Amino acid sequence: MFDVAEFSAIINPPEGAILAVGSVRRVPVVDDAGLGVGWRMMLTISCDHRVMDGAMGARFLQDVKRLLEEPLRLLV
């Protein structure tokens, strides 16, 4: 909404974690075919370590990434 590339969200009690989502941007990307232009978005999770550990937050971000890259998995 505000065209922010990335940021860190602040956890408000009683939340255990909060996900910060940056805007989608076109950036240079290197892949098997060489250099090109691709779409990228930054996701940042802030975790209250009294509730969960960083590994749990990292697994959550991996799941979000997988679902964004393969949205048909939401139907299965």
PDB file of N, CA and C in Angstrom:
ATOM      1  N   MET A   1       0.821  -1.184   0.000  1.00  0.00           N
ATOM      2  CA  MET A   1       0.000   0.000   0.000  1.00  0.00           C
ATOM      3  C   MET A   1       0.870   1.256   0.000  1.00  0.00           C
ATOM      4  N   PHE A   2       1.987   1.229   0.737  1.00  0.00           N
ATOM      5  CA  PHE A   2       2.855   2.395   0.839  1.00  0.00           C
ATOM      6  C   PHE A   2       4.125   2.251   0.005  1.00  0.00           C
ATOM      7  N   ASP A   3       4.243   1.173  -0.791  1.00  0.00           N
ATOM      8  CA  ASP A   3       5.393   0.913  -1.648  1.00  0.00           C
ATOM      9  C   ASP A   3       6.703   0.889  -0.853  1.00  0.00           C
ATOM     10  N   VAL A   4       6.700   0.138   0.245  1.00  0.00           N
ATOM     11  CA  VAL A   4       7.880  -0.040   1.082  1.00  0.00           C
ATOM     12  C   VAL A   4       8.546  -1.348   0.685  1.00  0.00           C
ATOM     13  N   ALA A   5       9.853  -1.320   0.438  1.00  0.00           N
ATOM     14  CA  ALA A   5      10.566  -2.518  -0.009  1.00  0.00           C
ATOM     15  C   ALA A   5      10.616  -3.581   1.078  1.00  0.00           C
ATOM     16  N   GLU A   6      10.988  -3.203   2.299  1.00  0.00           N
ATOM     17  CA  GLU A   6      11.029  -4.147   3.417  1.00  0.00           C
ATOM     18  C   GLU A   6      11.014  -3.371   4.723  1.00  0.00           C
ATOM     19  N   PHE A   7      10.554  -4.027   5.774  1.00  0.00           N
ATOM     20  CA  PHE A   7      10.531  -3.410   7.093  1.00  0.00           C
ATOM     21  C   PHE A   7      10.417  -4.495   8.152  1.00  0.00           C
ATOM     22  N   SER A   8      10.629  -4.115   9.401  1.00  0.00           N
ATOM     23  CA  SER A   8      10.479  -5.026  10.535  1.00  0.00           C
ATOM     24  C   SER A   8       9.268  -4.588  11.341  1.00  0.00           C
ATOM     25  N   ALA A   9       8.325  -5.500  11.515  1.00  0.00           N
ATOM     26  CA  ALA A   9       7.115  -5.182  12.265  1.00  0.00           C
ATOM     27  C   ALA A   9       7.366  -5.367  13.763  1.00  0.00           C
ATOM     28  N   ILE A  10       6.649  -4.600  14.567  1.00  0.00           N
ATOM     29  CA  ILE A  10       6.786  -4.660  16.016  1.00  0.00           C
ATOM     30  C   ILE A  10       5.658  -5.524  16.580  1.00  0.00           C
ATOM     31  N   ILE A  11       6.024  -6.456  17.449  1.00  0.00           N
ATOM     32  CA  ILE A  11       5.052  -7.352  18.076  1.00  0.00           C
ATOM     33  C   ILE A  11       4.327  -6.602  19.190  1.00  0.00           C
ATOM     34  N   ASN A  12       3.008  -6.652  19.148  1.00  0.00           N
ATOM     35  CA  ASN A  12       2.192  -6.049  20.198  1.00  0.00           C
ATOM     36  C   ASN A  12       1.592  -7.160  21.057  1.00  0.00           C
ATOM     37  N   PRO A  13       1.738  -7.083  22.392  1.00  0.00           N
ATOM     38  CA  PRO A  13       1.147  -8.121  23.251  1.00  0.00           C
ATOM     39  C   PRO A  13      -0.356  -8.190  23.010  1.00  0.00           C
ATOM     40  N   PRO A  14      -0.960  -9.349  22.969  1.00  0.00           N
ATOM     41  CA  PRO A  14      -0.465 -10.685  23.278  1.00  0.00           C
ATOM     42  C   PRO A  14      -0.022 -11.473  22.047  1.00  0.00           C
ATOM     43  N   GLU A  15       0.370 -10.815  20.962  1.00  0.00           N
ATOM     44  CA  GLU A  15       0.792 -11.513  19.751  1.00  0.00           C
ATOM     45  C   GLU A  15       2.067 -12.303  20.000  1.00  0.00           C
ATOM     46  N   GLY A  16       2.212 -13.444  19.307  1.00  0.00           N
ATOM     47  CA  GLY A  16       3.413 -14.255  19.412  1.00  0.00           C
ATOM     48  C   GLY A  16       4.368 -13.996  18.266  1.00  0.00           C
ATOM     49  N   ALA A  17       3.835 -13.500  17.146  1.00  0.00           N
ATOM     50  CA  ALA A  17       4.657 -13.206  15.973  1.00  0.00           C
ATOM     51  C   ALA A  17       3.874 -12.286  15.050  1.00  0.00           C
ATOM     52  N   ILE A  18       4.577 -11.625  14.149  1.00  0.00           N
ATOM     53  CA  ILE A  18       3.923 -10.777  13.155  1.00  0.00           C
ATOM     54  C   ILE A  18       4.727 -10.852  11.868  1.00  0.00           C
ATOM     55  N   LEU A  19       4.025 -10.897  10.746  1.00  0.00           N
ATOM     56  CA  LEU A  19       4.638 -11.016   9.434  1.00  0.00           C
ATOM     57  C   LEU A  19       4.619  -9.655   8.746  1.00  0.00           C
ATOM     58  N   ALA A  20       5.778  -9.183   8.311  1.00  0.00           N
ATOM     59  CA  ALA A  20       5.889  -7.935   7.565  1.00  0.00           C
ATOM     60  C   ALA A  20       6.054  -8.285   6.083  1.00  0.00           C
ATOM     61  N   VAL A  21       5.227  -7.690   5.238  1.00  0.00           N
ATOM     62  CA  VAL A  21       5.235  -7.984   3.805  1.00  0.00           C
ATOM     63  C   VAL A  21       5.578  -6.714   3.041  1.00  0.00           C
ATOM     64  N   GLY A  22       6.693  -6.748   2.309  1.00  0.00           N
ATOM     65  CA  GLY A  22       7.099  -5.619   1.492  1.00  0.00           C
ATOM     66  C   GLY A  22       6.415  -5.653   0.133  1.00  0.00           C
ATOM     67  N   SER A  23       6.589  -4.604  -0.632  1.00  0.00           N
ATOM     68  CA  SER A  23       5.954  -4.537  -1.949  1.00  0.00           C
ATOM     69  C   SER A  23       6.679  -5.443  -2.949  1.00  0.00           C
ATOM     70  N   VAL A  24       5.961  -5.842  -3.976  1.00  0.00           N
ATOM     71  CA  VAL A  24       6.527  -6.666  -5.037  1.00  0.00           C
ATOM     72  C   VAL A  24       7.252  -5.738  -6.009  1.00  0.00           C
ATOM     73  N   ARG A  25       8.501  -6.086  -6.317  1.00  0.00           N
ATOM     74  CA  ARG A  25       9.327  -5.234  -7.185  1.00  0.00           C
ATOM     75  C   ARG A  25       9.987  -6.056  -8.282  1.00  0.00           C
ATOM     76  N   ARG A  26      10.251  -5.415  -9.408  1.00  0.00           N
ATOM     77  CA  ARG A  26      11.008  -6.043 -10.493  1.00  0.00           C
ATOM     78  C   ARG A  26      12.484  -5.748 -10.260  1.00  0.00           C
ATOM     79  N   VAL A  27      13.285  -6.820 -10.207  1.00  0.00           N
ATOM     80  CA  VAL A  27      14.713  -6.680  -9.927  1.00  0.00           C
ATOM     81  C   VAL A  27      15.503  -7.593 -10.853  1.00  0.00           C
ATOM     82  N   PRO A  28      16.803  -7.325 -11.029  1.00  0.00           N
ATOM     83  CA  PRO A  28      17.642  -8.245 -11.814  1.00  0.00           C
ATOM     84  C   PRO A  28      17.754  -9.597 -11.113  1.00  0.00           C
ATOM     85  N   VAL A  29      17.635 -10.677 -11.890  1.00  0.00           N
ATOM     86  CA  VAL A  29      17.659 -12.033 -11.354  1.00  0.00           C
ATOM     87  C   VAL A  29      18.552 -12.896 -12.239  1.00  0.00           C
ATOM     88  N   VAL A  30      19.387 -13.719 -11.606  1.00  0.00           N
ATOM     89  CA  VAL A  30      20.224 -14.668 -12.346  1.00  0.00           C
ATOM     90  C   VAL A  30      19.586 -16.042 -12.204  1.00  0.00           C
ATOM     91  N   ASP A  31      19.333 -16.710 -13.335  1.00  0.00           N
ATOM     92  CA  ASP A  31      18.804 -18.069 -13.307  1.00  0.00           C
ATOM     93  C   ASP A  31      19.567 -18.918 -14.318  1.00  0.00           C
ATOM     94  N   ASP A  32      19.055 -20.107 -14.637  1.00  0.00           N
ATOM     95  CA  ASP A  32      19.744 -21.012 -15.555  1.00  0.00           C
ATOM     96  C   ASP A  32      19.928 -20.410 -16.943  1.00  0.00           C
ATOM     97  N   ALA A  33      18.989 -19.555 -17.355  1.00  0.00           N
ATOM     98  CA  ALA A  33      19.056 -18.948 -18.679  1.00  0.00           C
ATOM     99  C   ALA A  33      19.986 -17.734 -18.719  1.00  0.00           C
ATOM    100  N   GLY A  34      20.444 -17.273 -17.574  1.00  0.00           N
ATOM    101  CA  GLY A  34      21.322 -16.104 -17.524  1.00  0.00           C
ATOM    102  C   GLY A  34      20.685 -14.990 -16.724  1.00  0.00           C
ATOM    103  N   LEU A  35      21.010 -13.767 -17.080  1.00  0.00           N
ATOM    104  CA  LEU A  35      20.511 -12.587 -16.384  1.00  0.00           C
ATOM    105  C   LEU A  35      19.176 -12.164 -16.972  1.00  0.00           C
ATOM    106  N   GLY A  36      18.233 -11.851 -16.100  1.00  0.00           N
ATOM    107  CA  GLY A  36      16.918 -11.415 -16.550  1.00  0.00           C
ATOM    108  C   GLY A  36      16.280 -10.526 -15.501  1.00  0.00           C
ATOM    109  N   VAL A  37      15.008 -10.262 -15.688  1.00  0.00           N
ATOM    110  CA  VAL A  37      14.250  -9.439 -14.748  1.00  0.00           C
ATOM    111  C   VAL A  37      13.183 -10.328 -14.124  1.00  0.00           C
ATOM    112  N   GLY A  38      13.071 -10.285 -12.805  1.00  0.00           N
ATOM    113  CA  GLY A  38      12.082 -11.105 -12.104  1.00  0.00           C
ATOM    114  C   GLY A  38      11.387 -10.317 -11.025  1.00  0.00           C
ATOM    115  N   TRP A  39      10.321 -10.891 -10.511  1.00  0.00           N
ATOM    116  CA  TRP A  39       9.549 -10.273  -9.443  1.00  0.00           C
ATOM    117  C   TRP A  39      10.029 -10.809  -8.095  1.00  0.00           C
ATOM    118  N   ARG A  40      10.254  -9.914  -7.139  1.00  0.00           N
ATOM    119  CA  ARG A  40      10.701 -10.301  -5.804  1.00  0.00           C
ATOM    120  C   ARG A  40       9.922  -9.514  -4.753  1.00  0.00           C
ATOM    121  N   MET A  41       9.715 -10.156  -3.597  1.00  0.00           N
ATOM    122  CA  MET A  41       9.011  -9.534  -2.484  1.00  0.00           C
ATOM    123  C   MET A  41       9.720  -9.955  -1.197  1.00  0.00           C
ATOM    124  N   MET A  42       9.912  -9.039  -0.280  1.00  0.00           N
ATOM    125  CA  MET A  42      10.567  -9.337   0.990  1.00  0.00           C
ATOM    126  C   MET A  42       9.513  -9.654   2.056  1.00  0.00           C
ATOM    127  N   LEU A  43       9.724 -10.769   2.757  1.00  0.00           N
ATOM    128  CA  LEU A  43       8.898 -11.146   3.901  1.00  0.00           C
ATOM    129  C   LEU A  43       9.803 -11.209   5.126  1.00  0.00           C
ATOM    130  N   THR A  44       9.366 -10.603   6.219  1.00  0.00           N
ATOM    131  CA  THR A  44      10.125 -10.628   7.463  1.00  0.00           C
ATOM    132  C   THR A  44       9.186 -11.034   8.583  1.00  0.00           C
ATOM    133  N   ILE A  45       9.624 -11.958   9.431  1.00  0.00           N
ATOM    134  CA  ILE A  45       8.803 -12.346  10.572  1.00  0.00           C
ATOM    135  C   ILE A  45       9.530 -11.940  11.853  1.00  0.00           C
ATOM    136  N   SER A  46       8.772 -11.327  12.755  1.00  0.00           N
ATOM    137  CA  SER A  46       9.284 -11.000  14.086  1.00  0.00           C
ATOM    138  C   SER A  46       8.615 -11.954  15.062  1.00  0.00           C
ATOM    139  N   CYS A  47       9.416 -12.644  15.882  1.00  0.00           N
ATOM    140  CA  CYS A  47       8.901 -13.669  16.798  1.00  0.00           C
ATOM    141  C   CYS A  47       9.192 -13.290  18.243  1.00  0.00           C
ATOM    142  N   ASP A  48       8.217 -13.514  19.101  1.00  0.00           N
ATOM    143  CA  ASP A  48       8.431 -13.387  20.542  1.00  0.00           C
ATOM    144  C   ASP A  48       9.009 -14.720  21.008  1.00  0.00           C
ATOM    145  N   HIS A  49      10.262 -14.733  21.401  1.00  0.00           N
ATOM    146  CA  HIS A  49      10.927 -15.984  21.738  1.00  0.00           C
ATOM    147  C   HIS A  49      10.454 -16.596  23.058  1.00  0.00           C
ATOM    148  N   ARG A  50       9.572 -15.915  23.751  1.00  0.00           N
ATOM    149  CA  ARG A  50       8.928 -16.538  24.912  1.00  0.00           C
ATOM    150  C   ARG A  50       7.809 -17.471  24.450  1.00  0.00           C
ATOM    151  N   VAL A  51       7.331 -17.263  23.223  1.00  0.00           N
ATOM    152  CA  VAL A  51       6.223 -18.049  22.677  1.00  0.00           C
ATOM    153  C   VAL A  51       6.722 -19.096  21.686  1.00  0.00           C
ATOM    154  N   MET A  52       7.658 -18.714  20.836  1.00  0.00           N
ATOM    155  CA  MET A  52       8.169 -19.612  19.793  1.00  0.00           C
ATOM    156  C   MET A  52       9.638 -19.309  19.539  1.00  0.00           C
ATOM    157  N   ASP A  53      10.334 -20.243  18.907  1.00  0.00           N
ATOM    158  CA  ASP A  53      11.741 -19.990  18.599  1.00  0.00           C
ATOM    159  C   ASP A  53      11.893 -19.600  17.126  1.00  0.00           C
ATOM    160  N   GLY A  54      13.076 -19.147  16.780  1.00  0.00           N
ATOM    161  CA  GLY A  54      13.338 -18.685  15.418  1.00  0.00           C
ATOM    162  C   GLY A  54      13.202 -19.779  14.379  1.00  0.00           C
ATOM    163  N   ALA A  55      13.494 -21.023  14.757  1.00  0.00           N
ATOM    164  CA  ALA A  55      13.377 -22.135  13.808  1.00  0.00           C
ATOM    165  C   ALA A  55      11.927 -22.336  13.380  1.00  0.00           C
ATOM    166  N   MET A  56      10.996 -22.172  14.308  1.00  0.00           N
ATOM    167  CA  MET A  56       9.581 -22.303  13.973  1.00  0.00           C
ATOM    168  C   MET A  56       9.171 -21.183  13.021  1.00  0.00           C
ATOM    169  N   GLY A  57       9.660 -19.986  13.263  1.00  0.00           N
ATOM    170  CA  GLY A  57       9.374 -18.866  12.369  1.00  0.00           C
ATOM    171  C   GLY A  57       9.963 -19.093  10.985  1.00  0.00           C
ATOM    172  N   ALA A  58      11.165 -19.650  10.919  1.00  0.00           N
ATOM    173  CA  ALA A  58      11.798 -19.936   9.626  1.00  0.00           C
ATOM    174  C   ALA A  58      11.013 -20.984   8.850  1.00  0.00           C
ATOM    175  N   ARG A  59      10.527 -22.021   9.542  1.00  0.00           N
ATOM    176  CA  ARG A  59       9.704 -23.042   8.869  1.00  0.00           C
ATOM    177  C   ARG A  59       8.407 -22.438   8.336  1.00  0.00           C
ATOM    178  N   PHE A  60       7.817 -21.522   9.110  1.00  0.00           N
ATOM    179  CA  PHE A  60       6.607 -20.845   8.651  1.00  0.00           C
ATOM    180  C   PHE A  60       6.887 -20.054   7.372  1.00  0.00           C
ATOM    181  N   LEU A  61       8.004 -19.309   7.350  1.00  0.00           N
ATOM    182  CA  LEU A  61       8.355 -18.542   6.147  1.00  0.00           C
ATOM    183  C   LEU A  61       8.614 -19.452   4.955  1.00  0.00           C
ATOM    184  N   GLN A  62       9.211 -20.626   5.179  1.00  0.00           N
ATOM    185  CA  GLN A  62       9.407 -21.591   4.092  1.00  0.00           C
ATOM    186  C   GLN A  62       8.071 -22.046   3.528  1.00  0.00           C
ATOM    187  N   ASP A  63       7.088 -22.295   4.395  1.00  0.00           N
ATOM    188  CA  ASP A  63       5.758 -22.702   3.937  1.00  0.00           C
ATOM    189  C   ASP A  63       5.089 -21.591   3.140  1.00  0.00           C
ATOM    190  N   VAL A  64       5.196 -20.354   3.616  1.00  0.00           N
ATOM    191  CA  VAL A  64       4.606 -19.218   2.892  1.00  0.00           C
ATOM    192  C   VAL A  64       5.252 -19.080   1.519  1.00  0.00           C
ATOM    193  N   LYS A  65       6.576 -19.183   1.452  1.00  0.00           N
ATOM    194  CA  LYS A  65       7.302 -19.089   0.175  1.00  0.00           C
ATOM    195  C   LYS A  65       6.835 -20.161  -0.793  1.00  0.00           C
ATOM    196  N   ARG A  66       6.733 -21.400  -0.301  1.00  0.00           N
ATOM    197  CA  ARG A  66       6.310 -22.518  -1.151  1.00  0.00           C
ATOM    198  C   ARG A  66       4.904 -22.286  -1.690  1.00  0.00           C
ATOM    199  N   LEU A  67       3.998 -21.794  -0.847  1.00  0.00           N
ATOM    200  CA  LEU A  67       2.626 -21.556  -1.288  1.00  0.00           C
ATOM    201  C   LEU A  67       2.525 -20.381  -2.266  1.00  0.00           C
ATOM    202  N   LEU A  68       3.361 -19.371  -2.088  1.00  0.00           N
ATOM    203  CA  LEU A  68       3.367 -18.257  -3.038  1.00  0.00           C
ATOM    204  C   LEU A  68       3.912 -18.683  -4.397  1.00  0.00           C
ATOM    205  N   GLU A  69       4.916 -19.561  -4.382  1.00  0.00           N
ATOM    206  CA  GLU A  69       5.506 -20.030  -5.642  1.00  0.00           C
ATOM    207  C   GLU A  69       4.632 -21.072  -6.338  1.00  0.00           C
ATOM    208  N   GLU A  70       3.840 -21.826  -5.566  1.00  0.00           N
ATOM    209  CA  GLU A  70       2.978 -22.880  -6.113  1.00  0.00           C
ATOM    210  C   GLU A  70       1.580 -22.753  -5.502  1.00  0.00           C
ATOM    211  N   PRO A  71       0.786 -21.754  -5.920  1.00  0.00           N
ATOM    212  CA  PRO A  71      -0.508 -21.498  -5.271  1.00  0.00           C
ATOM    213  C   PRO A  71      -1.527 -22.633  -5.419  1.00  0.00           C
ATOM    214  N   LEU A  72      -1.358 -23.533  -6.379  1.00  0.00           N
ATOM    215  CA  LEU A  72      -2.283 -24.653  -6.518  1.00  0.00           C
ATOM    216  C   LEU A  72      -2.217 -25.601  -5.327  1.00  0.00           C
ATOM    217  N   ARG A  73      -1.122 -25.554  -4.549  1.00  0.00           N
ATOM    218  CA  ARG A  73      -1.017 -26.386  -3.348  1.00  0.00           C
ATOM    219  C   ARG A  73      -2.070 -26.008  -2.315  1.00  0.00           C
ATOM    220  N   LEU A  74      -2.609 -24.805  -2.401  1.00  0.00           N
ATOM    221  CA  LEU A  74      -3.658 -24.385  -1.477  1.00  0.00           C
ATOM    222  C   LEU A  74      -4.927 -25.201  -1.673  1.00  0.00           C
ATOM    223  N   LEU A  75      -5.116 -25.752  -2.866  1.00  0.00           N
ATOM    224  CA  LEU A  75      -6.312 -26.521  -3.181  1.00  0.00           C
ATOM    225  C   LEU A  75      -6.202 -27.982  -2.802  1.00  0.00           C
ATOM    226  N   VAL A  76      -4.982 -28.450  -2.510  1.00  0.00           N
ATOM    227  CA  VAL A  76      -4.765 -29.859  -2.207  1.00  0.00           C
ATOM    228  C   VAL A  76      -4.844 -30.113  -0.721  1.00  0.00           C
TER     229      VAL A  76
END
